[in-house]
Amino acid sequence: MVCTVVIDVEDAGNARLLAVRDEDPQREWDAPGDWWPDRYPGISGIRDRRAGGAWLAVNPSERRLAVLLNRADVAEIPGGTPQSRGSLVLESVSGRSPESALPMHGFNLLEVGPAGARVLSWDGVVLRETPITPGIHMIAHDDLDDGATPRIATWLPEFRTLGPAADLDDWTSAWTALLGASARLDPEDDRAIIRDNRPHGYPTQSLLYCTASVTPKGIVLDYRALAHAGHWD
């Protein structure tokens, strides 16, 4: 994965986001569903069939949402084979966030809930927390609003120009239209959000996107798979 998330935090308990998933097209997945009724009852998410975990998950009853993005390791993982990161979002929306060093590859774990939104970042050495302040933000494989990430430097100002999502008549359409506009870039361009990462040394391409709102009224999640990997249709 590489993945991209745009999020607008209004205040604690109110956030809207657009999440784009990049993954190997040969790695099969399932659309949002209650795939873990025994271990995670009431949790719905996008399931990775190979490892059984999730990329994005929601807990409607507790108004929690979590998304997982890759982050580069700065040190080798001790102890051999790393654990799958697929349990992170499932544990997160169940109220159990990581708190210490983990035998996993690096990640950015975006969490949204009644108390607010934050990013937990693990690089193989340090686990850091970044609270997300009110406003529109963007994250990919590095820090929140990282200006050195070309797609963030290019598109975060464009999303902010749209204004607060809560003030738009139809924020999902406005944000999706801007996502479509970003896809005029070649998917191999490092500024692209809809991406083909193979020229950059990764087998991943953009496969799907979701829009979601988390409010005191509940969670609304919309899932869309792209007809062709790495290309906007």
Protein backbone atom coordinates (compact mmCIF):
# COMPACT_ATOMS: atom_id res chain seq x y z
CA MET A 1 0.00 0.00 0.00
CA VAL A 2 0.85 3.68 -0.20
CA CYS A 3 -2.61 5.28 -0.03
CA THR A 4 -3.81 8.85 0.48
CA VAL A 5 -6.33 10.38 2.88
CA VAL A 6 -7.85 13.87 2.90
CA ILE A 7 -9.69 14.74 6.12
CA ASP A 8 -11.66 17.76 7.28
CA VAL A 9 -12.01 17.96 11.06
CA GLU A 10 -14.77 20.33 12.12
CA ASP A 11 -14.48 19.72 15.86
CA ALA A 12 -14.37 16.76 18.23
CA GLY A 13 -16.79 14.16 16.94
CA ASN A 14 -17.26 15.75 13.50
CA ALA A 15 -15.00 14.81 10.58
CA ARG A 16 -15.28 14.00 6.89
CA LEU A 17 -12.71 12.19 4.83
CA LEU A 18 -11.75 10.82 1.45
CA ALA A 19 -9.49 7.75 1.47
CA VAL A 20 -7.81 6.23 -1.61
CA ARG A 21 -6.36 2.74 -1.33
CA ASP A 22 -3.26 1.68 -3.23
CA GLU A 23 -2.50 -2.04 -3.23
CA ASP A 24 -1.25 -4.84 -5.45
CA PRO A 25 -4.20 -5.62 -7.78
CA GLN A 26 -3.43 -9.32 -7.35
CA ARG A 27 -4.14 -9.07 -3.62
CA GLU A 28 -7.87 -9.68 -3.36
CA TRP A 29 -10.15 -7.82 -0.99
CA ASP A 30 -13.80 -7.66 0.04
CA ALA A 31 -16.05 -4.60 0.07
CA PRO A 32 -17.12 -3.21 3.46
CA GLY A 33 -18.93 -5.79 5.54
CA ASP A 34 -19.19 -7.46 8.93
CA TRP A 35 -16.42 -9.95 8.18
CA TRP A 36 -15.34 -10.58 11.79
CA PRO A 37 -18.55 -11.37 13.74
CA ASP A 38 -16.86 -13.52 16.37
CA ARG A 39 -13.77 -11.49 17.22
CA TYR A 40 -15.01 -8.01 16.26
CA PRO A 41 -18.81 -7.99 16.50
CA GLY A 42 -20.43 -4.86 15.12
CA ILE A 43 -17.32 -3.85 13.17
CA SER A 44 -17.53 -3.34 9.41
CA GLY A 45 -14.54 -2.93 7.13
CA ILE A 46 -12.74 -3.58 3.87
CA ARG A 47 -11.18 -7.01 4.33
CA ASP A 48 -7.87 -8.18 2.97
CA ARG A 49 -8.49 -11.79 1.98
CA ARG A 50 -4.87 -12.87 2.22
CA ALA A 51 -4.16 -11.83 5.81
CA GLY A 52 -7.75 -11.47 7.02
CA GLY A 53 -7.33 -7.97 8.40
CA ALA A 54 -8.65 -4.62 7.23
CA TRP A 55 -7.46 -1.45 5.51
CA LEU A 56 -10.38 0.68 6.73
CA ALA A 57 -12.93 -0.17 9.39
CA VAL A 58 -15.79 1.50 11.24
CA ASN A 59 -17.54 0.91 14.54
CA PRO A 60 -20.93 2.60 14.04
CA SER A 61 -22.15 2.17 17.61
CA GLU A 62 -19.12 4.00 19.04
CA ARG A 63 -18.68 6.34 16.03
CA ARG A 64 -15.09 5.25 15.41
CA LEU A 65 -13.27 4.97 12.08
CA ALA A 66 -9.67 3.99 11.31
CA VAL A 67 -7.57 3.83 8.13
CA LEU A 68 -4.14 2.30 7.64
CA LEU A 69 -1.40 3.82 5.45
CA ASN A 70 2.13 2.53 4.90
CA ARG A 71 5.17 4.35 6.23
CA ALA A 72 8.83 3.56 5.58
CA ASP A 73 10.87 1.75 8.23
CA VAL A 74 13.98 3.50 9.54
CA ALA A 75 15.38 0.30 11.09
CA GLU A 76 15.13 -3.44 10.57
CA ILE A 77 12.44 -5.23 12.52
CA PRO A 78 13.98 -7.50 15.15
CA GLY A 79 12.86 -11.05 15.61
CA GLY A 80 12.38 -12.20 12.03
CA THR A 81 9.04 -12.13 10.22
CA PRO A 82 6.99 -9.01 11.00
CA GLN A 83 3.39 -9.29 12.10
CA SER A 84 0.59 -8.27 9.76
CA ARG A 85 -0.68 -4.72 10.23
CA GLY A 86 -4.21 -5.76 9.27
CA SER A 87 -5.38 -6.00 12.87
CA LEU A 88 -4.52 -2.38 13.65
CA VAL A 89 -7.70 -0.73 12.37
CA LEU A 90 -9.90 -3.47 13.80
CA GLU A 91 -8.33 -3.06 17.22
CA SER A 92 -8.46 0.72 16.90
CA VAL A 93 -12.18 0.97 16.23
CA SER A 94 -12.68 -1.47 19.10
CA GLY A 95 -11.04 1.08 21.40
CA ARG A 96 -7.59 -0.53 21.55
CA SER A 97 -4.94 1.64 19.93
CA PRO A 98 -1.25 0.67 19.76
CA GLU A 99 0.69 2.07 22.71
CA SER A 100 4.25 0.75 22.36
CA ALA A 101 6.83 -0.70 19.97
CA LEU A 102 5.39 -3.23 17.54
CA PRO A 103 6.99 -6.03 15.49
CA MET A 104 5.43 -4.57 12.33
CA HIS A 105 6.51 -2.56 9.31
CA GLY A 106 5.95 1.18 9.49
CA PHE A 107 2.48 2.70 9.31
CA ASN A 108 0.34 5.77 9.74
CA LEU A 109 -2.85 4.84 11.55
CA LEU A 110 -5.53 7.50 11.15
CA GLU A 111 -8.13 7.37 13.93
CA VAL A 112 -11.39 9.30 14.09
CA GLY A 113 -13.78 9.14 17.04
CA PRO A 114 -15.95 11.12 19.44
CA ALA A 115 -12.89 12.62 21.13
CA GLY A 116 -11.36 13.88 17.90
CA ALA A 117 -8.93 12.69 15.23
CA ARG A 118 -5.26 11.79 15.31
CA VAL A 119 -2.50 9.93 13.47
CA LEU A 120 -0.38 7.28 15.18
CA SER A 121 2.89 6.89 13.26
CA TRP A 122 5.29 3.95 13.65
CA ASP A 123 8.62 3.90 11.79
CA GLY A 124 10.10 0.78 13.35
CA VAL A 125 11.72 2.73 16.19
CA VAL A 126 9.31 5.31 17.62
CA LEU A 127 5.52 5.42 17.92
CA ARG A 128 4.32 9.03 17.68
CA GLU A 129 0.93 10.69 18.05
CA THR A 130 -0.13 13.69 15.96
CA PRO A 131 -3.48 15.24 16.94
CA ILE A 132 -5.39 16.56 13.93
CA THR A 133 -6.55 20.12 14.52
CA PRO A 134 -9.71 21.58 12.95
CA GLY A 135 -9.35 22.19 9.24
CA ILE A 136 -8.53 20.25 6.10
CA HIS A 137 -5.46 18.01 6.16
CA MET A 138 -3.82 15.35 4.02
CA ILE A 139 -1.64 12.34 4.75
CA ALA A 140 0.12 9.67 2.72
CA HIS A 141 3.34 7.78 3.54
CA ASP A 142 5.00 10.43 5.70
CA ASP A 143 3.86 13.09 8.18
CA LEU A 144 0.51 14.86 8.25
CA ASP A 145 0.43 17.73 5.72
CA ASP A 146 3.97 16.84 4.65
CA GLY A 147 4.97 19.49 2.11
CA ALA A 148 7.77 17.28 0.78
CA THR A 149 5.21 14.74 -0.48
CA PRO A 150 4.39 15.90 -4.04
CA ARG A 151 0.73 14.89 -4.02
CA ILE A 152 0.15 16.75 -0.75
CA ALA A 153 2.02 19.86 -1.90
CA THR A 154 -0.05 19.85 -5.10
CA TRP A 155 -3.55 18.98 -3.91
CA LEU A 156 -3.92 20.00 -0.28
CA PRO A 157 -4.24 23.70 -1.27
CA GLU A 158 -6.90 22.71 -3.82
CA PHE A 159 -8.99 20.86 -1.23
CA ARG A 160 -8.63 23.77 1.18
CA THR A 161 -9.80 26.17 -1.52
CA LEU A 162 -13.13 24.33 -1.61
CA GLY A 163 -13.73 25.48 1.96
CA PRO A 164 -15.05 23.50 4.94
CA ALA A 165 -16.82 20.32 3.86
CA ALA A 166 -19.71 21.02 6.26
CA ASP A 167 -20.43 24.26 4.42
CA LEU A 168 -20.75 22.63 1.00
CA ASP A 169 -24.13 21.56 -0.37
CA ASP A 170 -22.66 18.18 -1.36
CA TRP A 171 -19.15 17.79 -0.05
CA THR A 172 -18.73 14.22 -1.33
CA SER A 173 -19.45 15.29 -4.91
CA ALA A 174 -17.14 18.31 -4.63
CA TRP A 175 -14.28 16.27 -3.22
CA THR A 176 -14.79 13.41 -5.65
CA ALA A 177 -14.82 15.88 -8.55
CA LEU A 178 -11.48 17.25 -7.36
CA LEU A 179 -10.15 13.70 -7.06
CA GLY A 180 -11.23 13.20 -10.67
CA ALA A 181 -9.49 16.41 -11.68
CA SER A 182 -6.30 15.19 -10.01
CA ALA A 183 -6.49 12.07 -12.19
CA ARG A 184 -5.73 14.17 -15.26
CA LEU A 185 -2.15 13.70 -14.16
CA ASP A 186 -0.43 10.59 -15.41
CA PRO A 187 -0.83 7.90 -12.70
CA GLU A 188 2.95 7.48 -12.73
CA ASP A 189 3.41 11.16 -11.85
CA ASP A 190 4.49 11.48 -8.23
CA ARG A 191 1.94 14.30 -7.79
CA ALA A 192 -0.94 11.96 -8.67
CA ILE A 193 -3.47 10.75 -6.10
CA ILE A 194 -4.88 8.05 -8.38
CA ARG A 195 -1.58 6.25 -8.77
CA ASP A 196 0.48 3.59 -10.47
CA ASN A 197 3.40 3.06 -8.11
CA ARG A 198 5.23 0.44 -10.18
CA PRO A 199 7.72 2.93 -11.68
CA HIS A 200 8.59 3.92 -8.10
CA GLY A 201 9.49 0.34 -7.18
CA TYR A 202 6.18 -0.85 -5.68
CA PRO A 203 3.62 -3.23 -7.25
CA THR A 204 0.70 -1.14 -6.01
CA GLN A 205 -1.91 0.86 -7.89
CA SER A 206 -4.99 2.79 -6.77
CA LEU A 207 -7.86 0.31 -6.53
CA LEU A 208 -10.70 2.02 -4.67
CA TYR A 209 -11.77 5.05 -2.71
CA CYS A 210 -14.15 5.78 0.14
CA THR A 211 -15.82 8.88 1.48
CA ALA A 212 -16.98 8.91 5.07
CA SER A 213 -18.50 11.25 7.61
CA VAL A 214 -18.26 10.75 11.36
CA THR A 215 -20.74 12.87 13.32
CA PRO A 216 -22.79 12.58 16.52
CA LYS A 217 -25.55 11.17 14.28
CA GLY A 218 -23.36 8.24 13.25
CA ILE A 219 -21.07 7.15 10.41
CA VAL A 220 -21.89 7.30 6.71
CA LEU A 221 -19.47 5.34 4.52
CA ASP A 222 -19.52 5.16 0.73
CA TYR A 223 -17.24 2.69 -1.08
CA ARG A 224 -16.28 2.79 -4.76
CA ALA A 225 -13.95 0.37 -6.56
CA LEU A 226 -12.18 1.63 -9.66
CA ALA A 227 -13.01 -0.27 -12.84
CA HIS A 228 -9.36 -0.27 -13.88
CA ALA A 229 -6.45 -0.28 -11.41
CA GLY A 230 -4.57 2.98 -11.34
CA HIS A 231 -7.01 4.82 -13.58
CA TRP A 232 -10.00 7.08 -13.01
CA ASP A 233 -13.10 6.15 -14.98
